[in-house]
Amino acid sequence: MEERDKELIAQAKDVFMQYGIKSVTMDDMSRHLGISKKTLYKSVKDKNDLVQKCLQFQCNGEIDAVAAIQNKSLSAIDEMFEIGQFVSSQLKGIHPSIHYDLEKYHIEVFLSIKKAHMKNMYECMLKNLKKGIKEGVYRKDLRADVITKIYIKKIDVIFDAEVFPPEEISFEEVYATLFRYHIRGIANQKGIDYLEKKEKQRQKRA
């Protein structure tokens, strides 16, 4: 993808994140981007293609960001804290209808990219679990592969409007609760003590 197209996709992704997907027509998108619809169609075939490129761009960015955190050689719990902070920052900017719009109107695109994204998330979480066990902060009796799959499936429920109506609780708040629940479930006493110490430090800085 050329640099010009990357910039266009990055901006279009931000528009979708702010306003949702279904509510934004290609005419709306061209106006938000400050270009003609003819110019927009030089970079994408149609709206579905634009959604696919935006979703792929978002996922690639998340994968790169998480990889960068893992390359810092942090302890397992510190690594999860940084990943958690990154995910929370991403959830802040997501329009409540995004997940529904993708499943309702762009399901093939959504499932295709979700499958690849979940595979990457699985590898990331499995690596962290094994790291924490080796460091002696996660319980040794864990079935790392099973725990990882359970955690990934729980991510889906964050976006379930029937379970967590966005007007009552934000994606970010649900994820923060899930994060604490996950760490406390896998950590041994040493890990829990460290987690509580980290949370107290964060509260003091807040």
N, C-alpha and C. Protein backbone atom coordinates (compact mmCIF):
# COMPACT_ATOMS: atom_id res chain seq x y z
N MET A 1 0.84 -1.20 0.00
CA MET A 1 0.00 0.00 0.00
C MET A 1 0.87 1.25 0.00
N GLU A 2 0.58 2.17 -0.89
CA GLU A 2 1.36 3.41 -0.97
C GLU A 2 1.10 4.28 0.25
N GLU A 3 2.06 5.18 0.52
CA GLU A 3 1.97 6.04 1.70
C GLU A 3 0.69 6.88 1.68
N ARG A 4 0.32 7.37 0.49
CA ARG A 4 -0.89 8.18 0.37
C ARG A 4 -2.12 7.38 0.76
N ASP A 5 -2.17 6.12 0.33
CA ASP A 5 -3.30 5.26 0.66
C ASP A 5 -3.32 4.93 2.15
N LYS A 6 -2.14 4.72 2.73
CA LYS A 6 -2.07 4.43 4.17
C LYS A 6 -2.64 5.59 4.99
N GLU A 7 -2.29 6.80 4.59
CA GLU A 7 -2.77 7.99 5.29
C GLU A 7 -4.29 8.10 5.17
N LEU A 8 -4.79 7.81 3.98
CA LEU A 8 -6.24 7.87 3.75
C LEU A 8 -6.96 6.83 4.62
N ILE A 9 -6.44 5.62 4.65
CA ILE A 9 -7.05 4.55 5.45
C ILE A 9 -6.99 4.89 6.94
N ALA A 10 -5.89 5.45 7.38
CA ALA A 10 -5.75 5.84 8.79
C ALA A 10 -6.80 6.88 9.17
N GLN A 11 -7.02 7.84 8.29
CA GLN A 11 -8.01 8.88 8.57
C GLN A 11 -9.43 8.33 8.49
N ALA A 12 -9.67 7.46 7.52
CA ALA A 12 -11.00 6.85 7.38
C ALA A 12 -11.32 5.99 8.60
N LYS A 13 -10.32 5.28 9.10
CA LYS A 13 -10.51 4.46 10.30
C LYS A 13 -10.95 5.31 11.47
N ASP A 14 -10.35 6.47 11.62
CA ASP A 14 -10.72 7.38 12.71
C ASP A 14 -12.15 7.88 12.57
N VAL A 15 -12.58 8.10 11.33
CA VAL A 15 -13.96 8.54 11.09
C VAL A 15 -14.94 7.44 11.52
N PHE A 16 -14.67 6.21 11.11
CA PHE A 16 -15.53 5.10 11.50
C PHE A 16 -15.56 4.93 13.01
N MET A 17 -14.40 5.04 13.65
CA MET A 17 -14.32 4.88 15.09
C MET A 17 -15.14 5.94 15.82
N GLN A 18 -15.20 7.13 15.25
CA GLN A 18 -15.92 8.24 15.88
C GLN A 18 -17.43 8.18 15.65
N TYR A 19 -17.82 7.82 14.42
CA TYR A 19 -19.23 7.90 14.06
C TYR A 19 -19.93 6.55 13.86
N GLY A 20 -19.18 5.45 13.90
CA GLY A 20 -19.75 4.16 13.57
C GLY A 20 -19.55 3.88 12.10
N ILE A 21 -20.00 2.71 11.65
CA ILE A 21 -19.78 2.32 10.25
C ILE A 21 -21.03 2.50 9.40
N LYS A 22 -22.15 1.97 9.84
CA LYS A 22 -23.38 2.04 9.04
C LYS A 22 -23.79 3.48 8.76
N SER A 23 -23.64 4.35 9.76
CA SER A 23 -24.12 5.73 9.63
C SER A 23 -23.27 6.58 8.69
N VAL A 24 -22.07 6.11 8.34
CA VAL A 24 -21.16 6.88 7.48
C VAL A 24 -21.24 6.37 6.04
N THR A 25 -21.79 7.17 5.15
CA THR A 25 -21.83 6.81 3.73
C THR A 25 -20.50 7.17 3.07
N MET A 26 -20.32 6.73 1.86
CA MET A 26 -19.09 7.08 1.14
C MET A 26 -19.04 8.58 0.83
N ASP A 27 -20.21 9.20 0.65
CA ASP A 27 -20.26 10.66 0.48
C ASP A 27 -19.80 11.35 1.77
N ASP A 28 -20.30 10.83 2.91
CA ASP A 28 -19.88 11.39 4.20
C ASP A 28 -18.37 11.24 4.38
N MET A 29 -17.87 10.06 4.04
CA MET A 29 -16.45 9.79 4.22
C MET A 29 -15.60 10.72 3.38
N SER A 30 -15.97 10.93 2.13
CA SER A 30 -15.19 11.82 1.27
C SER A 30 -15.17 13.24 1.83
N ARG A 31 -16.32 13.67 2.42
CA ARG A 31 -16.37 15.01 3.01
C ARG A 31 -15.46 15.09 4.24
N HIS A 32 -15.51 14.07 5.08
CA HIS A 32 -14.66 14.06 6.28
C HIS A 32 -13.17 14.07 5.90
N LEU A 33 -12.84 13.37 4.83
CA LEU A 33 -11.44 13.28 4.40
C LEU A 33 -11.00 14.48 3.58
N GLY A 34 -11.96 15.30 3.15
CA GLY A 34 -11.63 16.47 2.35
C GLY A 34 -11.19 16.14 0.94
N ILE A 35 -11.74 15.05 0.40
CA ILE A 35 -11.41 14.64 -0.97
C ILE A 35 -12.70 14.33 -1.72
N SER A 36 -12.61 14.23 -3.03
CA SER A 36 -13.79 13.88 -3.81
C SER A 36 -14.05 12.38 -3.70
N LYS A 37 -15.29 11.99 -3.96
CA LYS A 37 -15.61 10.56 -3.91
C LYS A 37 -14.85 9.82 -5.01
N LYS A 38 -14.60 10.49 -6.11
CA LYS A 38 -13.84 9.90 -7.21
C LYS A 38 -12.42 9.55 -6.75
N THR A 39 -11.82 10.46 -5.99
CA THR A 39 -10.48 10.22 -5.45
C THR A 39 -10.49 9.08 -4.44
N LEU A 40 -11.54 9.03 -3.62
CA LEU A 40 -11.68 7.97 -2.63
C LEU A 40 -11.74 6.60 -3.31
N TYR A 41 -12.48 6.54 -4.43
CA TYR A 41 -12.64 5.27 -5.14
C TYR A 41 -11.39 4.85 -5.93
N LYS A 42 -10.41 5.70 -5.96
CA LYS A 42 -9.13 5.30 -6.55
C LYS A 42 -8.34 4.41 -5.58
N SER A 43 -8.67 4.55 -4.28
CA SER A 43 -7.96 3.78 -3.25
C SER A 43 -8.73 2.55 -2.80
N VAL A 44 -10.06 2.58 -2.92
CA VAL A 44 -10.89 1.45 -2.50
C VAL A 44 -11.97 1.16 -3.54
N LYS A 45 -12.42 -0.11 -3.58
CA LYS A 45 -13.44 -0.50 -4.55
C LYS A 45 -14.83 -0.05 -4.13
N ASP A 46 -15.12 -0.19 -2.85
CA ASP A 46 -16.44 0.16 -2.32
C ASP A 46 -16.33 0.30 -0.81
N LYS A 47 -17.47 0.50 -0.15
CA LYS A 47 -17.44 0.70 1.29
C LYS A 47 -16.93 -0.54 2.02
N ASN A 48 -17.34 -1.72 1.56
CA ASN A 48 -16.89 -2.95 2.21
C ASN A 48 -15.37 -3.08 2.13
N ASP A 49 -14.81 -2.71 1.01
CA ASP A 49 -13.35 -2.74 0.84
C ASP A 49 -12.69 -1.73 1.77
N LEU A 50 -13.32 -0.57 1.92
CA LEU A 50 -12.78 0.45 2.82
C LEU A 50 -12.82 -0.04 4.26
N VAL A 51 -13.93 -0.66 4.65
CA VAL A 51 -14.04 -1.21 6.00
C VAL A 51 -12.97 -2.27 6.23
N GLN A 52 -12.79 -3.14 5.24
CA GLN A 52 -11.78 -4.20 5.36
C GLN A 52 -10.39 -3.61 5.55
N LYS A 53 -10.06 -2.61 4.77
CA LYS A 53 -8.73 -1.99 4.87
C LYS A 53 -8.55 -1.26 6.20
N CYS A 54 -9.61 -0.61 6.67
CA CYS A 54 -9.53 0.10 7.95
C CYS A 54 -9.37 -0.88 9.11
N LEU A 55 -10.13 -1.97 9.06
CA LEU A 55 -10.05 -2.97 10.12
C LEU A 55 -8.69 -3.64 10.14
N GLN A 56 -8.16 -3.94 8.96
CA GLN A 56 -6.83 -4.54 8.87
C GLN A 56 -5.76 -3.59 9.38
N PHE A 57 -5.91 -2.31 9.06
CA PHE A 57 -4.98 -1.27 9.51
C PHE A 57 -4.98 -1.19 11.03
N GLN A 58 -6.19 -1.22 11.62
CA GLN A 58 -6.33 -1.15 13.08
C GLN A 58 -5.68 -2.37 13.73
N CYS A 59 -5.96 -3.54 13.19
CA CYS A 59 -5.42 -4.78 13.77
C CYS A 59 -3.90 -4.84 13.66
N ASN A 60 -3.37 -4.43 12.51
CA ASN A 60 -1.92 -4.41 12.32
C ASN A 60 -1.25 -3.47 13.32
N GLY A 61 -1.90 -2.34 13.57
CA GLY A 61 -1.35 -1.38 14.53
C GLY A 61 -1.33 -1.95 15.94
N GLU A 62 -2.41 -2.67 16.30
CA GLU A 62 -2.48 -3.28 17.62
C GLU A 62 -1.42 -4.38 17.78
N ILE A 63 -1.25 -5.18 16.74
CA ILE A 63 -0.27 -6.26 16.78
C ILE A 63 1.14 -5.69 16.95
N ASP A 64 1.44 -4.64 16.21
CA ASP A 64 2.77 -4.00 16.30
C ASP A 64 2.99 -3.41 17.69
N ALA A 65 1.95 -2.78 18.24
CA ALA A 65 2.08 -2.14 19.55
C ALA A 65 2.32 -3.18 20.65
N VAL A 66 1.58 -4.28 20.60
CA VAL A 66 1.74 -5.33 21.61
C VAL A 66 3.12 -5.99 21.47
N ALA A 67 3.55 -6.20 20.24
CA ALA A 67 4.88 -6.79 20.01
C ALA A 67 5.97 -5.89 20.58
N ALA A 68 5.79 -4.58 20.42
CA ALA A 68 6.77 -3.63 20.95
C ALA A 68 6.83 -3.71 22.47
N ILE A 69 5.68 -3.89 23.11
CA ILE A 69 5.64 -4.02 24.58
C ILE A 69 6.34 -5.30 25.01
N GLN A 70 6.08 -6.39 24.30
CA GLN A 70 6.71 -7.67 24.64
C GLN A 70 8.22 -7.63 24.43
N ASN A 71 8.68 -6.82 23.53
CA ASN A 71 10.12 -6.72 23.26
C ASN A 71 10.86 -5.90 24.31
N LYS A 72 10.13 -5.32 25.27
CA LYS A 72 10.76 -4.52 26.32
C LYS A 72 11.37 -5.40 27.42
N SER A 73 11.09 -6.68 27.37
CA SER A 73 11.60 -7.62 28.38
C SER A 73 11.14 -7.26 29.79
N LEU A 74 9.87 -6.89 29.94
CA LEU A 74 9.30 -6.59 31.24
C LEU A 74 8.95 -7.89 31.96
N SER A 75 8.66 -7.79 33.24
CA SER A 75 8.16 -8.96 33.96
C SER A 75 6.76 -9.26 33.41
N ALA A 76 6.28 -10.47 33.66
CA ALA A 76 4.99 -10.89 33.10
C ALA A 76 3.84 -9.97 33.50
N ILE A 77 3.76 -9.61 34.77
CA ILE A 77 2.66 -8.77 35.25
C ILE A 77 2.81 -7.34 34.73
N ASP A 78 4.04 -6.80 34.73
CA ASP A 78 4.26 -5.47 34.18
C ASP A 78 3.90 -5.43 32.69
N GLU A 79 4.24 -6.51 32.00
CA GLU A 79 3.91 -6.60 30.58
C GLU A 79 2.40 -6.56 30.38
N MET A 80 1.67 -7.31 31.21
CA MET A 80 0.21 -7.31 31.09
C MET A 80 -0.38 -5.95 31.44
N PHE A 81 0.22 -5.26 32.38
CA PHE A 81 -0.24 -3.91 32.73
C PHE A 81 -0.10 -2.98 31.52
N GLU A 82 1.05 -3.04 30.86
CA GLU A 82 1.26 -2.16 29.70
C GLU A 82 0.32 -2.51 28.56
N ILE A 83 0.15 -3.80 28.33
CA ILE A 83 -0.77 -4.23 27.28
C ILE A 83 -2.19 -3.78 27.65
N GLY A 84 -2.54 -3.92 28.92
CA GLY A 84 -3.86 -3.50 29.39
C GLY A 84 -4.08 -2.01 29.20
N GLN A 85 -3.07 -1.20 29.50
CA GLN A 85 -3.18 0.24 29.32
C GLN A 85 -3.34 0.61 27.84
N PHE A 86 -2.62 -0.11 26.98
CA PHE A 86 -2.74 0.13 25.55
C PHE A 86 -4.14 -0.22 25.06
N VAL A 87 -4.65 -1.39 25.45
CA VAL A 87 -5.98 -1.81 25.04
C VAL A 87 -7.04 -0.82 25.52
N SER A 88 -6.90 -0.37 26.76
CA SER A 88 -7.86 0.60 27.32
C SER A 88 -7.86 1.89 26.52
N SER A 89 -6.67 2.33 26.12
CA SER A 89 -6.58 3.57 25.33
C SER A 89 -7.27 3.41 23.97
N GLN A 90 -7.22 2.19 23.41
CA GLN A 90 -7.87 1.92 22.14
C GLN A 90 -9.40 1.87 22.31
N LEU A 91 -9.85 1.29 23.40
CA LEU A 91 -11.28 1.15 23.63
C LEU A 91 -11.97 2.49 23.86
N LYS A 92 -11.22 3.47 24.38
CA LYS A 92 -11.79 4.80 24.63
C LYS A 92 -12.35 5.43 23.36
N GLY A 93 -11.69 5.14 22.23
CA GLY A 93 -12.07 5.82 21.00
C GLY A 93 -13.01 5.04 20.09
N ILE A 94 -13.58 3.94 20.59
CA ILE A 94 -14.44 3.12 19.75
C ILE A 94 -15.91 3.52 19.91
N HIS A 95 -16.57 3.80 18.80
CA HIS A 95 -18.00 4.11 18.82
C HIS A 95 -18.77 2.86 19.27
N PRO A 96 -19.80 3.03 20.11
CA PRO A 96 -20.54 1.88 20.65
C PRO A 96 -21.13 0.93 19.60
N SER A 97 -21.39 1.44 18.39
CA SER A 97 -22.05 0.61 17.39
C SER A 97 -21.07 -0.18 16.50
N ILE A 98 -19.77 0.05 16.65
CA ILE A 98 -18.78 -0.54 15.76
C ILE A 98 -18.91 -2.06 15.66
N HIS A 99 -18.92 -2.72 16.77
CA HIS A 99 -18.95 -4.18 16.78
C HIS A 99 -20.25 -4.69 16.14
N TYR A 100 -21.36 -4.07 16.48
CA TYR A 100 -22.64 -4.47 15.91
C TYR A 100 -22.65 -4.24 14.40
N ASP A 101 -22.18 -3.09 13.96
CA ASP A 101 -22.14 -2.77 12.52
C ASP A 101 -21.32 -3.78 11.75
N LEU A 102 -20.18 -4.17 12.30
CA LEU A 102 -19.31 -5.14 11.63
C LEU A 102 -20.01 -6.50 11.51
N GLU A 103 -20.62 -6.95 12.59
CA GLU A 103 -21.29 -8.25 12.56
C GLU A 103 -22.53 -8.26 11.68
N LYS A 104 -23.22 -7.12 11.63
CA LYS A 104 -24.48 -7.03 10.89
C LYS A 104 -24.27 -6.78 9.40
N TYR A 105 -23.32 -5.91 9.05
CA TYR A 105 -23.21 -5.45 7.66
C TYR A 105 -21.91 -5.85 6.95
N HIS A 106 -20.92 -6.29 7.71
CA HIS A 106 -19.63 -6.64 7.09
C HIS A 106 -19.08 -7.92 7.74
N ILE A 107 -19.94 -8.91 7.88
CA ILE A 107 -19.61 -10.10 8.65
C ILE A 107 -18.43 -10.89 8.07
N GLU A 108 -18.34 -11.02 6.75
CA GLU A 108 -17.24 -11.79 6.16
C GLU A 108 -15.90 -11.13 6.43
N VAL A 109 -15.85 -9.82 6.25
CA VAL A 109 -14.63 -9.06 6.54
C VAL A 109 -14.27 -9.20 8.02
N PHE A 110 -15.28 -9.03 8.86
CA PHE A 110 -15.08 -9.08 10.30
C PHE A 110 -14.52 -10.43 10.76
N LEU A 111 -15.14 -11.51 10.29
CA LEU A 111 -14.71 -12.84 10.71
C LEU A 111 -13.33 -13.19 10.20
N SER A 112 -13.02 -12.78 8.98
CA SER A 112 -11.71 -13.07 8.39
C SER A 112 -10.58 -12.41 9.18
N ILE A 113 -10.74 -11.14 9.46
CA ILE A 113 -9.68 -10.41 10.17
C ILE A 113 -9.67 -10.80 11.65
N LYS A 114 -10.85 -11.06 12.21
CA LYS A 114 -10.93 -11.47 13.61
C LYS A 114 -10.17 -12.77 13.84
N LYS A 115 -10.28 -13.71 12.91
CA LYS A 115 -9.61 -15.00 13.05
C LYS A 115 -8.10 -14.81 13.14
N ALA A 116 -7.54 -13.99 12.27
CA ALA A 116 -6.09 -13.74 12.29
C ALA A 116 -5.69 -12.99 13.55
N HIS A 117 -6.54 -12.05 13.97
CA HIS A 117 -6.24 -11.25 15.15
C HIS A 117 -6.28 -12.10 16.41
N MET A 118 -7.26 -13.00 16.49
CA MET A 118 -7.37 -13.89 17.65
C MET A 118 -6.19 -14.84 17.73
N LYS A 119 -5.69 -15.29 16.59
CA LYS A 119 -4.52 -16.17 16.57
C LYS A 119 -3.32 -15.45 17.16
N ASN A 120 -3.15 -14.20 16.77
CA ASN A 120 -2.04 -13.41 17.30
C ASN A 120 -2.21 -13.16 18.80
N MET A 121 -3.46 -12.86 19.22
CA MET A 121 -3.74 -12.62 20.63
C MET A 121 -3.47 -13.88 21.45
N TYR A 122 -3.83 -15.03 20.89
CA TYR A 122 -3.61 -16.30 21.57
C TYR A 122 -2.12 -16.52 21.83
N GLU A 123 -1.31 -16.28 20.81
CA GLU A 123 0.14 -16.46 20.94
C GLU A 123 0.72 -15.49 21.96
N CYS A 124 0.22 -14.27 21.97
CA CYS A 124 0.68 -13.24 22.91
C CYS A 124 0.36 -13.64 24.35
N MET A 125 -0.89 -14.03 24.59
CA MET A 125 -1.32 -14.38 25.95
C MET A 125 -0.65 -15.66 26.44
N LEU A 126 -0.49 -16.63 25.54
CA LEU A 126 0.17 -17.88 25.92
C LEU A 126 1.62 -17.63 26.32
N LYS A 127 2.27 -16.77 25.58
CA LYS A 127 3.66 -16.41 25.88
C LYS A 127 3.76 -15.74 27.25
N ASN A 128 2.80 -14.86 27.54
CA ASN A 128 2.82 -14.17 28.83
C ASN A 128 2.57 -15.13 29.98
N LEU A 129 1.64 -16.06 29.79
CA LEU A 129 1.35 -17.04 30.84
C LEU A 129 2.56 -17.91 31.15
N LYS A 130 3.21 -18.39 30.12
CA LYS A 130 4.40 -19.22 30.32
C LYS A 130 5.52 -18.41 31.00
N LYS A 131 5.60 -17.15 30.64
CA LYS A 131 6.61 -16.26 31.24
C LYS A 131 6.34 -16.08 32.73
N GLY A 132 5.07 -15.83 33.07
CA GLY A 132 4.71 -15.63 34.47
C GLY A 132 4.92 -16.86 35.32
N ILE A 133 4.64 -18.03 34.75
CA ILE A 133 4.87 -19.29 35.47
C ILE A 133 6.37 -19.47 35.73
N LYS A 134 7.17 -19.17 34.72
CA LYS A 134 8.62 -19.29 34.85
C LYS A 134 9.17 -18.32 35.87
N GLU A 135 8.59 -17.13 35.96
CA GLU A 135 9.04 -16.11 36.91
C GLU A 135 8.55 -16.39 38.33
N GLY A 136 7.60 -17.30 38.45
CA GLY A 136 7.09 -17.64 39.78
C GLY A 136 6.03 -16.70 40.30
N VAL A 137 5.33 -15.98 39.40
CA VAL A 137 4.26 -15.08 39.83
C VAL A 137 2.88 -15.58 39.39
N TYR A 138 2.85 -16.55 38.47
CA TYR A 138 1.60 -17.21 38.08
C TYR A 138 1.61 -18.64 38.62
N ARG A 139 0.44 -19.17 38.87
CA ARG A 139 0.33 -20.52 39.43
C ARG A 139 0.90 -21.57 38.48
N LYS A 140 1.60 -22.53 39.03
CA LYS A 140 2.23 -23.57 38.22
C LYS A 140 1.24 -24.60 37.71
N ASP A 141 0.06 -24.70 38.35
CA ASP A 141 -0.91 -25.72 37.97
C ASP A 141 -1.83 -25.28 36.82
N LEU A 142 -1.55 -24.14 36.21
CA LEU A 142 -2.40 -23.62 35.15
C LEU A 142 -2.27 -24.44 33.87
N ARG A 143 -3.39 -24.64 33.18
CA ARG A 143 -3.36 -25.14 31.81
C ARG A 143 -3.31 -23.90 30.93
N ALA A 144 -2.11 -23.47 30.59
CA ALA A 144 -1.92 -22.20 29.90
C ALA A 144 -2.74 -22.10 28.62
N ASP A 145 -2.83 -23.18 27.85
CA ASP A 145 -3.57 -23.15 26.60
C ASP A 145 -5.07 -22.94 26.85
N VAL A 146 -5.60 -23.59 27.89
CA VAL A 146 -7.02 -23.46 28.21
C VAL A 146 -7.34 -22.06 28.72
N ILE A 147 -6.53 -21.56 29.65
CA ILE A 147 -6.72 -20.22 30.21
C ILE A 147 -6.69 -19.17 29.10
N THR A 148 -5.76 -19.32 28.17
CA THR A 148 -5.63 -18.37 27.08
C THR A 148 -6.89 -18.33 26.23
N LYS A 149 -7.44 -19.49 25.91
CA LYS A 149 -8.65 -19.55 25.09
C LYS A 149 -9.85 -18.95 25.83
N ILE A 150 -9.94 -19.21 27.13
CA ILE A 150 -11.03 -18.64 27.93
C ILE A 150 -10.93 -17.11 27.93
N TYR A 151 -9.73 -16.59 28.12
CA TYR A 151 -9.54 -15.14 28.16
C TYR A 151 -9.95 -14.51 26.84
N ILE A 152 -9.54 -15.11 25.74
CA ILE A 152 -9.86 -14.57 24.41
C ILE A 152 -11.37 -14.55 24.18
N LYS A 153 -12.06 -15.62 24.58
CA LYS A 153 -13.51 -15.66 24.41
C LYS A 153 -14.20 -14.59 25.26
N LYS A 154 -13.62 -14.29 26.41
CA LYS A 154 -14.22 -13.26 27.27
C LYS A 154 -14.12 -11.87 26.63
N ILE A 155 -13.15 -11.66 25.76
CA ILE A 155 -13.00 -10.37 25.10
C ILE A 155 -14.25 -10.04 24.30
N ASP A 156 -14.85 -11.04 23.66
CA ASP A 156 -16.05 -10.82 22.85
C ASP A 156 -17.19 -10.22 23.64
N VAL A 157 -17.34 -10.64 24.89
CA VAL A 157 -18.48 -10.18 25.68
C VAL A 157 -18.39 -8.69 26.01
N ILE A 158 -17.19 -8.12 25.95
CA ILE A 158 -17.03 -6.69 26.20
C ILE A 158 -17.92 -5.88 25.26
N PHE A 159 -18.05 -6.36 24.02
CA PHE A 159 -18.79 -5.62 23.00
C PHE A 159 -20.25 -6.06 22.87
N ASP A 160 -20.70 -6.94 23.76
CA ASP A 160 -22.08 -7.40 23.72
C ASP A 160 -22.98 -6.38 24.41
N ALA A 161 -23.72 -5.63 23.61
CA ALA A 161 -24.55 -4.54 24.14
C ALA A 161 -25.68 -5.04 25.03
N GLU A 162 -26.10 -6.30 24.85
CA GLU A 162 -27.15 -6.83 25.71
C GLU A 162 -26.63 -7.13 27.11
N VAL A 163 -25.39 -7.55 27.18
CA VAL A 163 -24.78 -7.85 28.48
C VAL A 163 -24.27 -6.57 29.14
N PHE A 164 -23.57 -5.74 28.36
CA PHE A 164 -23.02 -4.49 28.88
C PHE A 164 -23.46 -3.32 28.01
N PRO A 165 -24.66 -2.78 28.24
CA PRO A 165 -25.15 -1.64 27.45
C PRO A 165 -24.17 -0.48 27.53
N PRO A 166 -23.69 0.03 26.38
CA PRO A 166 -22.69 1.11 26.39
C PRO A 166 -23.12 2.39 27.09
N GLU A 167 -24.45 2.58 27.19
CA GLU A 167 -24.93 3.78 27.89
C GLU A 167 -24.83 3.62 29.41
N GLU A 168 -24.59 2.39 29.86
CA GLU A 168 -24.48 2.13 31.29
C GLU A 168 -23.03 1.93 31.74
N ILE A 169 -22.23 1.32 30.88
CA ILE A 169 -20.82 1.07 31.22
C ILE A 169 -19.99 1.06 29.94
N SER A 170 -18.82 1.66 30.00
CA SER A 170 -17.97 1.77 28.81
C SER A 170 -17.19 0.49 28.55
N PHE A 171 -16.75 0.33 27.28
CA PHE A 171 -15.88 -0.79 26.94
C PHE A 171 -14.66 -0.81 27.85
N GLU A 172 -14.13 0.38 28.09
CA GLU A 172 -12.91 0.52 28.89
C GLU A 172 -13.10 -0.01 30.31
N GLU A 173 -14.24 0.32 30.93
CA GLU A 173 -14.51 -0.12 32.30
C GLU A 173 -14.67 -1.64 32.36
N VAL A 174 -15.36 -2.20 31.37
CA VAL A 174 -15.54 -3.65 31.34
C VAL A 174 -14.20 -4.35 31.19
N TYR A 175 -13.36 -3.82 30.28
CA TYR A 175 -12.05 -4.44 30.07
C TYR A 175 -11.18 -4.36 31.33
N ALA A 176 -11.21 -3.21 32.01
CA ALA A 176 -10.41 -3.04 33.22
C ALA A 176 -10.79 -4.08 34.27
N THR A 177 -12.09 -4.35 34.38
CA THR A 177 -12.58 -5.35 35.33
C THR A 177 -12.13 -6.74 34.91
N LEU A 178 -12.25 -7.04 33.61
CA LEU A 178 -11.81 -8.33 33.08
C LEU A 178 -10.31 -8.52 33.31
N PHE A 179 -9.53 -7.46 33.12
CA PHE A 179 -8.09 -7.53 33.30
C PHE A 179 -7.72 -7.92 34.73
N ARG A 180 -8.32 -7.22 35.69
CA ARG A 180 -8.03 -7.52 37.11
C ARG A 180 -8.48 -8.93 37.46
N TYR A 181 -9.63 -9.32 36.96
CA TYR A 181 -10.17 -10.66 37.20
C TYR A 181 -9.22 -11.72 36.66
N HIS A 182 -8.68 -11.48 35.47
CA HIS A 182 -7.76 -12.42 34.83
C HIS A 182 -6.47 -12.58 35.63
N ILE A 183 -5.85 -11.47 35.97
CA ILE A 183 -4.57 -11.54 36.69
C ILE A 183 -4.73 -12.19 38.05
N ARG A 184 -5.79 -11.82 38.77
CA ARG A 184 -6.00 -12.42 40.09
C ARG A 184 -6.31 -13.91 39.99
N GLY A 185 -6.88 -14.33 38.88
CA GLY A 185 -7.20 -15.74 38.70
C GLY A 185 -5.99 -16.60 38.38
N ILE A 186 -4.97 -16.03 37.77
CA ILE A 186 -3.80 -16.81 37.37
C ILE A 186 -2.59 -16.62 38.27
N ALA A 187 -2.60 -15.54 39.05
CA ALA A 187 -1.43 -15.25 39.89
C ALA A 187 -1.42 -16.07 41.17
N ASN A 188 -0.21 -16.42 41.64
CA ASN A 188 -0.07 -17.03 42.97
C ASN A 188 0.04 -15.89 43.98
N GLN A 189 0.29 -16.20 45.24
CA GLN A 189 0.32 -15.15 46.26
C GLN A 189 1.39 -14.10 45.97
N LYS A 190 2.54 -14.56 45.49
CA LYS A 190 3.61 -13.62 45.15
C LYS A 190 3.13 -12.66 44.06
N GLY A 191 2.45 -13.19 43.07
CA GLY A 191 1.95 -12.36 41.98
C GLY A 191 0.86 -11.41 42.44
N ILE A 192 -0.04 -11.89 43.32
CA ILE A 192 -1.11 -11.04 43.83
C ILE A 192 -0.56 -9.90 44.66
N ASP A 193 0.45 -10.20 45.47
CA ASP A 193 1.09 -9.15 46.28
C ASP A 193 1.69 -8.08 45.37
N TYR A 194 2.33 -8.52 44.29
CA TYR A 194 2.94 -7.57 43.36
C TYR A 194 1.86 -6.77 42.63
N LEU A 195 0.77 -7.45 42.27
CA LEU A 195 -0.34 -6.78 41.59
C LEU A 195 -0.93 -5.69 42.47
N GLU A 196 -1.16 -6.00 43.73
CA GLU A 196 -1.73 -5.02 44.66
C GLU A 196 -0.80 -3.83 44.85
N LYS A 197 0.51 -4.11 44.87
CA LYS A 197 1.50 -3.04 44.98
C LYS A 197 1.42 -2.13 43.75
N LYS A 198 1.31 -2.72 42.57
CA LYS A 198 1.20 -1.95 41.33
C LYS A 198 -0.07 -1.10 41.33
N GLU A 199 -1.18 -1.67 41.79
CA GLU A 199 -2.45 -0.94 41.78
C GLU A 199 -2.41 0.23 42.75
N LYS A 200 -1.77 0.06 43.90
CA LYS A 200 -1.63 1.16 44.86
C LYS A 200 -0.78 2.28 44.28
N GLN A 201 0.28 1.92 43.58
CA GLN A 201 1.13 2.93 42.94
C GLN A 201 0.36 3.72 41.89
N ARG A 202 -0.47 3.03 41.12
CA ARG A 202 -1.28 3.69 40.09
C ARG A 202 -2.30 4.62 40.71
N GLN A 203 -2.91 4.22 41.82
CA GLN A 203 -3.90 5.03 42.50
C GLN A 203 -3.28 6.31 43.05
N LYS A 204 -2.05 6.21 43.53
CA LYS A 204 -1.36 7.38 44.06
C LYS A 204 -1.05 8.39 42.96
N ARG A 205 -0.73 7.86 41.75
CA ARG A 205 -0.39 8.73 40.62
C ARG A 205 -1.64 9.35 39.99
N ALA A 206 -2.79 8.70 40.21
CA ALA A 206 -4.05 9.17 39.58
C ALA A 206 -4.54 10.48 40.21
